């Protein structure tokens, strides 16, 4: 892939599950339910109200959450393709 995919849109599909529309034309889901357990830096995302307050970063290069939390589009795409 010449350019890494970017996020065109994202929505909460289920608790801790996000559905993304990608610049590749794909629509893929990512389950991040275990992320707060695997990485303490993301502990706040265990709270559904915090998790739901994500925003797409500038130019679709990732997601941002309150508390300076974020994840790059490349990592989210990798997780979605598993």
PDB file of N, CA and C in Angstrom:
ATOM      1  N   UNK A   1       0.850  -1.168   0.000  1.00  0.00           N
ATOM      2  CA  UNK A   1       0.000   0.000   0.000  1.00  0.00           C
ATOM      3  C   UNK A   1       0.895   1.229   0.000  1.00  0.00           C
ATOM      4  N   UNK A   2       0.677   2.079  -0.973  1.00  0.00           N
ATOM      5  CA  UNK A   2       1.518   3.261  -1.127  1.00  0.00           C
ATOM      6  C   UNK A   2       1.319   4.254   0.008  1.00  0.00           C
ATOM      7  N   UNK A   3       0.083   4.598   0.310  1.00  0.00           N
ATOM      8  CA  UNK A   3      -0.237   5.501   1.412  1.00  0.00           C
ATOM      9  C   UNK A   3      -0.996   4.739   2.479  1.00  0.00           C
ATOM     10  N   UNK A   4      -0.668   4.980   3.741  1.00  0.00           N
ATOM     11  CA  UNK A   4      -1.428   4.290   4.787  1.00  0.00           C
ATOM     12  C   UNK A   4      -2.889   4.728   4.765  1.00  0.00           C
ATOM     13  N   UNK A   5      -3.805   3.829   5.131  1.00  0.00           N
ATOM     14  CA  UNK A   5      -5.222   4.171   5.122  1.00  0.00           C
ATOM     15  C   UNK A   5      -5.543   5.218   6.175  1.00  0.00           C
ATOM     16  N   UNK A   6      -6.550   6.001   5.895  1.00  0.00           N
ATOM     17  CA  UNK A   6      -7.035   6.993   6.851  1.00  0.00           C
ATOM     18  C   UNK A   6      -8.492   6.693   7.178  1.00  0.00           C
ATOM     19  N   UNK A   7      -8.930   7.229   8.299  1.00  0.00           N
ATOM     20  CA  UNK A   7     -10.299   7.030   8.768  1.00  0.00           C
ATOM     21  C   UNK A   7     -11.191   8.079   8.120  1.00  0.00           C
ATOM     22  N   UNK A   8     -12.217   7.638   7.425  1.00  0.00           N
ATOM     23  CA  UNK A   8     -13.185   8.567   6.846  1.00  0.00           C
ATOM     24  C   UNK A   8     -14.340   8.828   7.800  1.00  0.00           C
ATOM     25  N   UNK A   9     -14.745   7.786   8.539  1.00  0.00           N
ATOM     26  CA  UNK A   9     -15.784   7.942   9.553  1.00  0.00           C
ATOM     27  C   UNK A   9     -15.641   6.814  10.571  1.00  0.00           C
ATOM     28  N   UNK A  10     -16.215   7.056  11.743  1.00  0.00           N
ATOM     29  CA  UNK A  10     -16.183   6.051  12.807  1.00  0.00           C
ATOM     30  C   UNK A  10     -17.457   6.188  13.625  1.00  0.00           C
ATOM     31  N   UNK A  11     -17.948   5.044  14.086  1.00  0.00           N
ATOM     32  CA  UNK A  11     -19.126   5.060  14.946  1.00  0.00           C
ATOM     33  C   UNK A  11     -18.999   3.937  15.959  1.00  0.00           C
ATOM     34  N   UNK A  12     -19.660   4.125  17.072  1.00  0.00           N
ATOM     35  CA  UNK A  12     -19.713   3.110  18.118  1.00  0.00           C
ATOM     36  C   UNK A  12     -20.711   2.045  17.667  1.00  0.00           C
ATOM     37  N   UNK A  13     -20.231   0.828  17.429  1.00  0.00           N
ATOM     38  CA  UNK A  13     -21.087  -0.251  16.949  1.00  0.00           C
ATOM     39  C   UNK A  13     -21.639  -1.090  18.092  1.00  0.00           C
ATOM     40  N   UNK A  14     -20.921  -1.140  19.201  1.00  0.00           N
ATOM     41  CA  UNK A  14     -21.291  -1.877  20.405  1.00  0.00           C
ATOM     42  C   UNK A  14     -20.369  -1.353  21.502  1.00  0.00           C
ATOM     43  N   UNK A  15     -20.609  -1.715  22.749  1.00  0.00           N
ATOM     44  CA  UNK A  15     -19.688  -1.250  23.793  1.00  0.00           C
ATOM     45  C   UNK A  15     -18.243  -1.657  23.467  1.00  0.00           C
ATOM     46  N   UNK A  16     -17.365  -0.676  23.382  1.00  0.00           N
ATOM     47  CA  UNK A  16     -15.932  -0.860  23.095  1.00  0.00           C
ATOM     48  C   UNK A  16     -15.647  -1.397  21.693  1.00  0.00           C
ATOM     49  N   UNK A  17     -16.623  -1.357  20.799  1.00  0.00           N
ATOM     50  CA  UNK A  17     -16.429  -1.787  19.417  1.00  0.00           C
ATOM     51  C   UNK A  17     -16.708  -0.596  18.505  1.00  0.00           C
ATOM     52  N   UNK A  18     -15.727  -0.312  17.649  1.00  0.00           N
ATOM     53  CA  UNK A  18     -15.867   0.786  16.702  1.00  0.00           C
ATOM     54  C   UNK A  18     -15.939   0.254  15.284  1.00  0.00           C
ATOM     55  N   UNK A  19     -16.797   0.866  14.486  1.00  0.00           N
ATOM     56  CA  UNK A  19     -16.891   0.543  13.066  1.00  0.00           C
ATOM     57  C   UNK A  19     -16.311   1.710  12.285  1.00  0.00           C
ATOM     58  N   UNK A  20     -15.357   1.410  11.416  1.00  0.00           N
ATOM     59  CA  UNK A  20     -14.664   2.431  10.645  1.00  0.00           C
ATOM     60  C   UNK A  20     -14.967   2.308   9.166  1.00  0.00           C
ATOM     61  N   UNK A  21     -15.111   3.443   8.509  1.00  0.00           N
ATOM     62  CA  UNK A  21     -15.076   3.515   7.054  1.00  0.00           C
ATOM     63  C   UNK A  21     -13.683   4.042   6.724  1.00  0.00           C
ATOM     64  N   UNK A  22     -12.945   3.286   5.929  1.00  0.00           N
ATOM     65  CA  UNK A  22     -11.549   3.605   5.621  1.00  0.00           C
ATOM     66  C   UNK A  22     -11.409   4.203   4.226  1.00  0.00           C
ATOM     67  N   UNK A  23     -10.331   4.901   4.028  1.00  0.00           N
ATOM     68  CA  UNK A  23     -10.030   5.491   2.724  1.00  0.00           C
ATOM     69  C   UNK A  23      -9.829   4.429   1.649  1.00  0.00           C
ATOM     70  N   UNK A  24      -9.655   3.182   2.055  1.00  0.00           N
ATOM     71  CA  UNK A  24      -9.503   2.054   1.119  1.00  0.00           C
ATOM     72  C   UNK A  24     -10.846   1.617   0.536  1.00  0.00           C
ATOM     73  N   UNK A  25     -11.936   2.148   1.099  1.00  0.00           N
ATOM     74  CA  UNK A  25     -13.270   1.731   0.691  1.00  0.00           C
ATOM     75  C   UNK A  25     -13.840   0.641   1.578  1.00  0.00           C
ATOM     76  N   UNK A  26     -13.048   0.137   2.500  1.00  0.00           N
ATOM     77  CA  UNK A  26     -13.489  -0.921   3.399  1.00  0.00           C
ATOM     78  C   UNK A  26     -14.247  -0.351   4.596  1.00  0.00           C
ATOM     79  N   UNK A  27     -15.153  -1.149   5.137  1.00  0.00           N
ATOM     80  CA  UNK A  27     -15.801  -0.869   6.414  1.00  0.00           C
ATOM     81  C   UNK A  27     -15.454  -2.038   7.322  1.00  0.00           C
ATOM     82  N   UNK A  28     -14.720  -1.730   8.405  1.00  0.00           N
ATOM     83  CA  UNK A  28     -14.220  -2.772   9.302  1.00  0.00           C
ATOM     84  C   UNK A  28     -14.456  -2.378  10.748  1.00  0.00           C
ATOM     85  N   UNK A  29     -14.640  -3.381  11.592  1.00  0.00           N
ATOM     86  CA  UNK A  29     -14.841  -3.156  13.028  1.00  0.00           C
ATOM     87  C   UNK A  29     -13.584  -3.516  13.815  1.00  0.00           C
ATOM     88  N   UNK A  30     -13.417  -2.820  14.928  1.00  0.00           N
ATOM     89  CA  UNK A  30     -12.318  -3.095  15.851  1.00  0.00           C
ATOM     90  C   UNK A  30     -12.910  -3.201  17.251  1.00  0.00           C
ATOM     91  N   UNK A  31     -12.633  -4.326  17.913  1.00  0.00           N
ATOM     92  CA  UNK A  31     -13.057  -4.536  19.295  1.00  0.00           C
ATOM     93  C   UNK A  31     -11.897  -4.149  20.202  1.00  0.00           C
ATOM     94  N   UNK A  32     -12.070  -3.073  20.962  1.00  0.00           N
ATOM     95  CA  UNK A  32     -11.022  -2.579  21.856  1.00  0.00           C
ATOM     96  C   UNK A  32     -11.341  -2.846  23.322  1.00  0.00           C
ATOM     97  N   UNK A  33     -12.224  -3.807  23.587  1.00  0.00           N
ATOM     98  CA  UNK A  33     -12.655  -4.082  24.955  1.00  0.00           C
ATOM     99  C   UNK A  33     -11.497  -4.462  25.871  1.00  0.00           C
ATOM    100  N   UNK A  34     -10.503  -5.166  25.364  1.00  0.00           N
ATOM    101  CA  UNK A  34      -9.402  -5.592  26.226  1.00  0.00           C
ATOM    102  C   UNK A  34      -8.253  -4.587  26.290  1.00  0.00           C
ATOM    103  N   UNK A  35      -8.335  -3.505  25.537  1.00  0.00           N
ATOM    104  CA  UNK A  35      -7.257  -2.521  25.525  1.00  0.00           C
ATOM    105  C   UNK A  35      -6.934  -1.959  26.907  1.00  0.00           C
ATOM    106  N   UNK A  36      -7.922  -1.548  27.718  1.00  0.00           N
ATOM    107  CA  UNK A  36      -7.588  -1.029  29.052  1.00  0.00           C
ATOM    108  C   UNK A  36      -6.919  -2.062  29.961  1.00  0.00           C
ATOM    109  N   UNK A  37      -7.193  -3.339  29.729  1.00  0.00           N
ATOM    110  CA  UNK A  37      -6.578  -4.401  30.535  1.00  0.00           C
ATOM    111  C   UNK A  37      -5.135  -4.663  30.097  1.00  0.00           C
ATOM    112  N   UNK A  38      -4.876  -4.547  28.803  1.00  0.00           N
ATOM    113  CA  UNK A  38      -3.546  -4.822  28.262  1.00  0.00           C
ATOM    114  C   UNK A  38      -2.583  -3.649  28.430  1.00  0.00           C
ATOM    115  N   UNK A  39      -3.126  -2.445  28.493  1.00  0.00           N
ATOM    116  CA  UNK A  39      -2.275  -1.258  28.549  1.00  0.00           C
ATOM    117  C   UNK A  39      -2.869  -0.268  29.542  1.00  0.00           C
ATOM    118  N   UNK A  40      -2.217  -0.106  30.677  1.00  0.00           N
ATOM    119  CA  UNK A  40      -2.740   0.750  31.749  1.00  0.00           C
ATOM    120  C   UNK A  40      -2.921   2.196  31.312  1.00  0.00           C
ATOM    121  N   UNK A  41      -2.193   2.625  30.311  1.00  0.00           N
ATOM    122  CA  UNK A  41      -2.337   4.003  29.822  1.00  0.00           C
ATOM    123  C   UNK A  41      -3.754   4.260  29.311  1.00  0.00           C
ATOM    124  N   UNK A  42      -4.432   3.202  28.888  1.00  0.00           N
ATOM    125  CA  UNK A  42      -5.783   3.324  28.348  1.00  0.00           C
ATOM    126  C   UNK A  42      -6.853   2.937  29.366  1.00  0.00           C
ATOM    127  N   UNK A  43      -6.523   2.891  30.641  1.00  0.00           N
ATOM    128  CA  UNK A  43      -7.459   2.462  31.685  1.00  0.00           C
ATOM    129  C   UNK A  43      -8.759   3.256  31.679  1.00  0.00           C
ATOM    130  N   UNK A  44      -8.707   4.536  31.371  1.00  0.00           N
ATOM    131  CA  UNK A  44      -9.917   5.371  31.359  1.00  0.00           C
ATOM    132  C   UNK A  44     -10.936   4.892  30.330  1.00  0.00           C
ATOM    133  N   UNK A  45     -10.476   4.194  29.293  1.00  0.00           N
ATOM    134  CA  UNK A  45     -11.389   3.735  28.242  1.00  0.00           C
ATOM    135  C   UNK A  45     -12.246   2.555  28.683  1.00  0.00           C
ATOM    136  N   UNK A  46     -11.995   2.036  29.872  1.00  0.00           N
ATOM    137  CA  UNK A  46     -12.853   0.979  30.424  1.00  0.00           C
ATOM    138  C   UNK A  46     -14.220   1.545  30.798  1.00  0.00           C
ATOM    139  N   UNK A  47     -14.307   2.853  30.953  1.00  0.00           N
ATOM    140  CA  UNK A  47     -15.579   3.520  31.256  1.00  0.00           C
ATOM    141  C   UNK A  47     -16.292   3.799  29.929  1.00  0.00           C
ATOM    142  N   UNK A  48     -17.478   3.233  29.731  1.00  0.00           N
ATOM    143  CA  UNK A  48     -18.179   3.397  28.459  1.00  0.00           C
ATOM    144  C   UNK A  48     -18.409   4.854  28.053  1.00  0.00           C
ATOM    145  N   UNK A  49     -18.683   5.728  29.025  1.00  0.00           N
ATOM    146  CA  UNK A  49     -18.923   7.125  28.671  1.00  0.00           C
ATOM    147  C   UNK A  49     -17.663   7.810  28.154  1.00  0.00           C
ATOM    148  N   UNK A  50     -16.499   7.419  28.646  1.00  0.00           N
ATOM    149  CA  UNK A  50     -15.234   7.971  28.149  1.00  0.00           C
ATOM    150  C   UNK A  50     -14.916   7.380  26.779  1.00  0.00           C
ATOM    151  N   UNK A  51     -15.066   6.071  26.633  1.00  0.00           N
ATOM    152  CA  UNK A  51     -14.782   5.410  25.363  1.00  0.00           C
ATOM    153  C   UNK A  51     -15.608   6.025  24.234  1.00  0.00           C
ATOM    154  N   UNK A  52     -16.863   6.320  24.513  1.00  0.00           N
ATOM    155  CA  UNK A  52     -17.782   6.828  23.488  1.00  0.00           C
ATOM    156  C   UNK A  52     -17.464   8.250  23.041  1.00  0.00           C
ATOM    157  N   UNK A  53     -16.581   8.932  23.760  1.00  0.00           N
ATOM    158  CA  UNK A  53     -16.284  10.326  23.427  1.00  0.00           C
ATOM    159  C   UNK A  53     -15.060  10.474  22.510  1.00  0.00           C
ATOM    160  N   UNK A  54     -14.853   9.511  21.637  1.00  0.00           N
ATOM    161  CA  UNK A  54     -13.735   9.577  20.695  1.00  0.00           C
ATOM    162  C   UNK A  54     -14.010  10.626  19.618  1.00  0.00           C
ATOM    163  N   UNK A  55     -12.940  11.122  19.043  1.00  0.00           N
ATOM    164  CA  UNK A  55     -13.011  12.025  17.891  1.00  0.00           C
ATOM    165  C   UNK A  55     -11.983  11.563  16.870  1.00  0.00           C
ATOM    166  N   UNK A  56     -12.299  11.742  15.615  1.00  0.00           N
ATOM    167  CA  UNK A  56     -11.341  11.422  14.559  1.00  0.00           C
ATOM    168  C   UNK A  56     -10.295  12.529  14.536  1.00  0.00           C
ATOM    169  N   UNK A  57      -9.030  12.138  14.552  1.00  0.00           N
ATOM    170  CA  UNK A  57      -7.922  13.096  14.525  1.00  0.00           C
ATOM    171  C   UNK A  57      -7.864  13.783  13.159  1.00  0.00           C
ATOM    172  N   UNK A  58      -7.141  14.870  13.119  1.00  0.00           N
ATOM    173  CA  UNK A  58      -6.981  15.631  11.875  1.00  0.00           C
ATOM    174  C   UNK A  58      -6.592  14.727  10.714  1.00  0.00           C
ATOM    175  N   UNK A  59      -7.236  14.938   9.602  1.00  0.00           N
ATOM    176  CA  UNK A  59      -6.989  14.229   8.349  1.00  0.00           C
ATOM    177  C   UNK A  59      -7.206  12.730   8.443  1.00  0.00           C
ATOM    178  N   UNK A  60      -7.911  12.269   9.494  1.00  0.00           N
ATOM    179  CA  UNK A  60      -8.223  10.850   9.623  1.00  0.00           C
ATOM    180  C   UNK A  60      -7.054   9.966   9.995  1.00  0.00           C
ATOM    181  N   UNK A  61      -6.037  10.553  10.615  1.00  0.00           N
ATOM    182  CA  UNK A  61      -4.831   9.796  10.936  1.00  0.00           C
ATOM    183  C   UNK A  61      -4.899   9.054  12.260  1.00  0.00           C
ATOM    184  N   UNK A  62      -6.062   9.015  12.904  1.00  0.00           N
ATOM    185  CA  UNK A  62      -6.207   8.284  14.155  1.00  0.00           C
ATOM    186  C   UNK A  62      -7.449   8.703  14.908  1.00  0.00           C
ATOM    187  N   UNK A  63      -7.554   8.214  16.142  1.00  0.00           N
ATOM    188  CA  UNK A  63      -8.650   8.580  17.041  1.00  0.00           C
ATOM    189  C   UNK A  63      -8.061   9.215  18.286  1.00  0.00           C
ATOM    190  N   UNK A  64      -8.782  10.173  18.824  1.00  0.00           N
ATOM    191  CA  UNK A  64      -8.407  10.818  20.078  1.00  0.00           C
ATOM    192  C   UNK A  64      -9.550  10.672  21.070  1.00  0.00           C
ATOM    193  N   UNK A  65      -9.176  10.495  22.348  1.00  0.00           N
ATOM    194  CA  UNK A  65     -10.127  10.433  23.451  1.00  0.00           C
ATOM    195  C   UNK A  65      -9.743  11.487  24.481  1.00  0.00           C
ATOM    196  N   UNK A  66     -10.660  11.805  25.384  1.00  0.00           N
ATOM    197  CA  UNK A  66     -10.312  12.737  26.464  1.00  0.00           C
ATOM    198  C   UNK A  66      -9.105  12.214  27.263  1.00  0.00           C
ATOM    199  N   UNK A  67      -8.369  13.144  27.845  1.00  0.00           N
ATOM    200  CA  UNK A  67      -7.213  12.763  28.650  1.00  0.00           C
ATOM    201  C   UNK A  67      -5.965  12.517  27.826  1.00  0.00           C
ATOM    202  N   UNK A  68      -5.901  13.124  26.644  1.00  0.00           N
ATOM    203  CA  UNK A  68      -4.733  12.970  25.763  1.00  0.00           C
ATOM    204  C   UNK A  68      -4.472  11.535  25.351  1.00  0.00           C
ATOM    205  N   UNK A  69      -5.515  10.748  25.228  1.00  0.00           N
ATOM    206  CA  UNK A  69      -5.388   9.374  24.745  1.00  0.00           C
ATOM    207  C   UNK A  69      -5.623   9.351  23.245  1.00  0.00           C
ATOM    208  N   UNK A  70      -4.907   8.514  22.560  1.00  0.00           N
ATOM    209  CA  UNK A  70      -5.097   8.411  21.124  1.00  0.00           C
ATOM    210  C   UNK A  70      -4.481   7.138  20.574  1.00  0.00           C
ATOM    211  N   UNK A  71      -4.901   6.798  19.356  1.00  0.00           N
ATOM    212  CA  UNK A  71      -4.350   5.638  18.663  1.00  0.00           C
ATOM    213  C   UNK A  71      -4.335   5.975  17.176  1.00  0.00           C
ATOM    214  N   UNK A  72      -3.219   5.654  16.534  1.00  0.00           N
ATOM    215  CA  UNK A  72      -3.044   5.953  15.125  1.00  0.00           C
ATOM    216  C   UNK A  72      -3.898   5.091  14.219  1.00  0.00           C
ATOM    217  N   UNK A  73      -4.246   5.660  13.084  1.00  0.00           N
ATOM    218  CA  UNK A  73      -5.053   4.935  12.108  1.00  0.00           C
ATOM    219  C   UNK A  73      -4.350   3.671  11.633  1.00  0.00           C
ATOM    220  N   UNK A  74      -3.032   3.718  11.497  1.00  0.00           N
ATOM    221  CA  UNK A  74      -2.318   2.538  11.029  1.00  0.00           C
ATOM    222  C   UNK A  74      -2.489   1.361  11.991  1.00  0.00           C
ATOM    223  N   UNK A  75      -2.425   1.619  13.286  1.00  0.00           N
ATOM    224  CA  UNK A  75      -2.607   0.552  14.288  1.00  0.00           C
ATOM    225  C   UNK A  75      -4.058   0.074  14.300  1.00  0.00           C
ATOM    226  N   UNK A  76      -5.006   0.994  14.231  1.00  0.00           N
ATOM    227  CA  UNK A  76      -6.418   0.609  14.207  1.00  0.00           C
ATOM    228  C   UNK A  76      -6.739  -0.235  12.974  1.00  0.00           C
ATOM    229  N   UNK A  77      -6.168   0.138  11.839  1.00  0.00           N
ATOM    230  CA  UNK A  77      -6.377  -0.625  10.607  1.00  0.00           C
ATOM    231  C   UNK A  77      -5.791  -2.029  10.748  1.00  0.00           C
ATOM    232  N   UNK A  78      -4.600  -2.109  11.327  1.00  0.00           N
ATOM    233  CA  UNK A  78      -3.972  -3.411  11.562  1.00  0.00           C
ATOM    234  C   UNK A  78      -4.859  -4.292  12.431  1.00  0.00           C
ATOM    235  N   UNK A  79      -5.401  -3.732  13.511  1.00  0.00           N
ATOM    236  CA  UNK A  79      -6.294  -4.487  14.392  1.00  0.00           C
ATOM    237  C   UNK A  79      -7.575  -4.908  13.665  1.00  0.00           C
ATOM    238  N   UNK A  80      -8.078  -4.044  12.821  1.00  0.00           N
ATOM    239  CA  UNK A  80      -9.318  -4.339  12.096  1.00  0.00           C
ATOM    240  C   UNK A  80      -9.127  -5.469  11.085  1.00  0.00           C
ATOM    241  N   UNK A  81      -7.941  -5.576  10.548  1.00  0.00           N
ATOM    242  CA  UNK A  81      -7.668  -6.593   9.521  1.00  0.00           C
ATOM    243  C   UNK A  81      -7.379  -7.969  10.110  1.00  0.00           C
ATOM    244  N   UNK A  82      -7.280  -8.078  11.422  1.00  0.00           N
ATOM    245  CA  UNK A  82      -7.023  -9.385  12.061  1.00  0.00           C
ATOM    246  C   UNK A  82      -8.229 -10.274  11.977  1.00  0.00           C
TER     247      UNK A  82
END
